[in-house]
Amino acid sequence: HMEAGETEAQTALRELFEETDLTARLDTSRSAVIEYPIPPVGRKQVVFFPGQVSGTPKARAGEIESFQWVSAQELEKYLFQDTIAACRKLIY
């Protein structure tokens, strides 16, 4: 979630680090957005940026259970269709 005063890119970098211990250099000139319902709260919006990550990923307890690097061709095995479309918009 965005914290007060943060930009979308700052939020993305903070969340990436909090959940994986990775840092990144983002290309903020391009982005893709998906939205989905979270009943009964409302809707969640996720903004994706292309970028280059650095560091060694760690699954931080309480944040994520596991991680795996995958190729663009493997996205269908792991992601929902709206997320795949957002990723492909930024990859190709």
C-alpha atoms as a PDB file:
ATOM      1  CA  HIS A   1       0.000   0.000   0.000  1.00  0.00           C
ATOM      2  CA  MET A   2       1.135   3.539  -0.666  1.00  0.00           C
ATOM      3  CA  GLU A   3       2.271   5.487   2.349  1.00  0.00           C
ATOM      4  CA  ALA A   4       1.575   9.196   2.753  1.00  0.00           C
ATOM      5  CA  GLY A   5       3.675  11.289   0.401  1.00  0.00           C
ATOM      6  CA  GLU A   6       4.956   8.356  -1.681  1.00  0.00           C
ATOM      7  CA  THR A   7       4.843   8.178  -5.454  1.00  0.00           C
ATOM      8  CA  GLU A   8       3.827   4.931  -7.160  1.00  0.00           C
ATOM      9  CA  ALA A   9       7.471   4.268  -8.045  1.00  0.00           C
ATOM     10  CA  GLN A  10       8.643   4.887  -4.459  1.00  0.00           C
ATOM     11  CA  THR A  11       5.951   2.505  -3.227  1.00  0.00           C
ATOM     12  CA  ALA A  12       7.058  -0.146  -5.721  1.00  0.00           C
ATOM     13  CA  LEU A  13      10.686   0.113  -4.612  1.00  0.00           C
ATOM     14  CA  ARG A  14       9.799   0.013  -0.908  1.00  0.00           C
ATOM     15  CA  GLU A  15       7.437  -2.943  -1.310  1.00  0.00           C
ATOM     16  CA  LEU A  16       9.972  -4.836  -3.431  1.00  0.00           C
ATOM     17  CA  PHE A  17      12.605  -4.422  -0.745  1.00  0.00           C
ATOM     18  CA  GLU A  18      10.237  -5.215   2.151  1.00  0.00           C
ATOM     19  CA  GLU A  19       9.015  -8.421   0.523  1.00  0.00           C
ATOM     20  CA  THR A  20      12.151  -9.731  -1.190  1.00  0.00           C
ATOM     21  CA  ASP A  21      15.239  -7.803   0.021  1.00  0.00           C
ATOM     22  CA  LEU A  22      15.832  -6.733  -3.602  1.00  0.00           C
ATOM     23  CA  THR A  23      16.523  -3.212  -4.832  1.00  0.00           C
ATOM     24  CA  ALA A  24      15.800  -1.983  -8.354  1.00  0.00           C
ATOM     25  CA  ARG A  25      16.286   0.750 -10.883  1.00  0.00           C
ATOM     26  CA  LEU A  26      12.865   1.424 -12.428  1.00  0.00           C
ATOM     27  CA  ASP A  27      11.937   2.856 -15.810  1.00  0.00           C
ATOM     28  CA  THR A  28       9.175   5.182 -14.634  1.00  0.00           C
ATOM     29  CA  SER A  29       8.458   6.387 -18.161  1.00  0.00           C
ATOM     30  CA  ARG A  30       6.405   3.216 -18.701  1.00  0.00           C
ATOM     31  CA  SER A  31       3.939   1.397 -16.502  1.00  0.00           C
ATOM     32  CA  ALA A  32       1.014  -1.008 -16.617  1.00  0.00           C
ATOM     33  CA  VAL A  33      -1.946  -1.094 -14.236  1.00  0.00           C
ATOM     34  CA  ILE A  34      -4.351  -3.811 -13.162  1.00  0.00           C
ATOM     35  CA  GLU A  35      -7.285  -3.611 -10.765  1.00  0.00           C
ATOM     36  CA  TYR A  36      -9.258  -6.315  -9.040  1.00  0.00           C
ATOM     37  CA  PRO A  37     -11.948  -6.528  -6.361  1.00  0.00           C
ATOM     38  CA  ILE A  38     -11.194  -7.304  -2.732  1.00  0.00           C
ATOM     39  CA  PRO A  39     -14.608  -7.817  -1.142  1.00  0.00           C
ATOM     40  CA  PRO A  40     -15.823  -6.299   1.106  1.00  0.00           C
ATOM     41  CA  VAL A  41     -13.063  -3.644   1.182  1.00  0.00           C
ATOM     42  CA  GLY A  42     -13.327  -2.460  -2.421  1.00  0.00           C
ATOM     43  CA  ARG A  43     -10.765  -2.646  -5.198  1.00  0.00           C
ATOM     44  CA  LYS A  44      -6.991  -2.940  -5.318  1.00  0.00           C
ATOM     45  CA  GLN A  45      -4.881  -1.247  -7.974  1.00  0.00           C
ATOM     46  CA  VAL A  46      -1.419  -2.611  -8.788  1.00  0.00           C
ATOM     47  CA  VAL A  47       1.058  -0.577 -10.850  1.00  0.00           C
ATOM     48  CA  PHE A  48       3.914  -2.390 -12.612  1.00  0.00           C
ATOM     49  CA  PHE A  49       7.147  -0.750 -13.793  1.00  0.00           C
ATOM     50  CA  PRO A  50       9.890  -2.339 -15.867  1.00  0.00           C
ATOM     51  CA  GLY A  51      13.265  -2.269 -14.216  1.00  0.00           C
ATOM     52  CA  GLN A  52      16.475  -3.988 -13.326  1.00  0.00           C
ATOM     53  CA  VAL A  53      16.784  -5.663  -9.933  1.00  0.00           C
ATOM     54  CA  SER A  54      19.856  -6.056  -7.764  1.00  0.00           C
ATOM     55  CA  GLY A  55      20.607  -8.221  -4.788  1.00  0.00           C
ATOM     56  CA  THR A  56      19.872 -11.722  -3.629  1.00  0.00           C
ATOM     57  CA  PRO A  57      16.168 -12.414  -3.102  1.00  0.00           C
ATOM     58  CA  LYS A  58      14.965 -13.626   0.278  1.00  0.00           C
ATOM     59  CA  ALA A  59      11.466 -14.755   1.191  1.00  0.00           C
ATOM     60  CA  ARG A  60      10.778 -12.528   4.159  1.00  0.00           C
ATOM     61  CA  ALA A  61       8.627 -14.162   6.821  1.00  0.00           C
ATOM     62  CA  GLY A  62       5.133 -12.745   6.926  1.00  0.00           C
ATOM     63  CA  GLU A  63       5.476 -11.214   3.460  1.00  0.00           C
ATOM     64  CA  ILE A  64       5.888 -14.035   0.924  1.00  0.00           C
ATOM     65  CA  GLU A  65       6.217 -17.798   1.207  1.00  0.00           C
ATOM     66  CA  SER A  66       8.538 -18.409  -1.747  1.00  0.00           C
ATOM     67  CA  PHE A  67       9.838 -16.963  -5.002  1.00  0.00           C
ATOM     68  CA  GLN A  68      11.041 -18.164  -8.364  1.00  0.00           C
ATOM     69  CA  TRP A  69      12.560 -16.439 -11.401  1.00  0.00           C
ATOM     70  CA  VAL A  70      10.684 -17.331 -14.587  1.00  0.00           C
ATOM     71  CA  SER A  71      11.035 -16.444 -18.254  1.00  0.00           C
ATOM     72  CA  ALA A  72       8.442 -14.409 -20.139  1.00  0.00           C
ATOM     73  CA  GLN A  73       7.384 -17.616 -21.855  1.00  0.00           C
ATOM     74  CA  GLU A  74       6.512 -19.218 -18.491  1.00  0.00           C
ATOM     75  CA  LEU A  75       4.196 -16.483 -17.188  1.00  0.00           C
ATOM     76  CA  GLU A  76       1.034 -18.502 -17.903  1.00  0.00           C
ATOM     77  CA  LYS A  77       2.131 -21.136 -15.391  1.00  0.00           C
ATOM     78  CA  TYR A  78       2.244 -18.677 -12.500  1.00  0.00           C
ATOM     79  CA  LEU A  79       0.150 -15.547 -13.069  1.00  0.00           C
ATOM     80  CA  PHE A  80      -3.458 -14.517 -13.707  1.00  0.00           C
ATOM     81  CA  GLN A  81      -4.339 -13.321 -17.205  1.00  0.00           C
ATOM     82  CA  ASP A  82      -4.579  -9.611 -16.298  1.00  0.00           C
ATOM     83  CA  THR A  83      -1.133  -9.737 -14.688  1.00  0.00           C
ATOM     84  CA  ILE A  84       0.300 -11.574 -17.702  1.00  0.00           C
ATOM     85  CA  ALA A  85      -1.098  -8.885 -20.007  1.00  0.00           C
ATOM     86  CA  ALA A  86       0.433  -6.117 -17.862  1.00  0.00           C
ATOM     87  CA  CYS A  87       3.830  -7.859 -17.844  1.00  0.00           C
ATOM     88  CA  ARG A  88       3.788  -8.445 -21.572  1.00  0.00           C
ATOM     89  CA  LYS A  89       2.944  -4.788 -22.179  1.00  0.00           C
ATOM     90  CA  LEU A  90       6.194  -3.898 -20.450  1.00  0.00           C
ATOM     91  CA  ILE A  91       8.366  -6.741 -21.745  1.00  0.00           C
ATOM     92  CA  TYR A  92       7.639  -6.500 -25.456  1.00  0.00           C
END
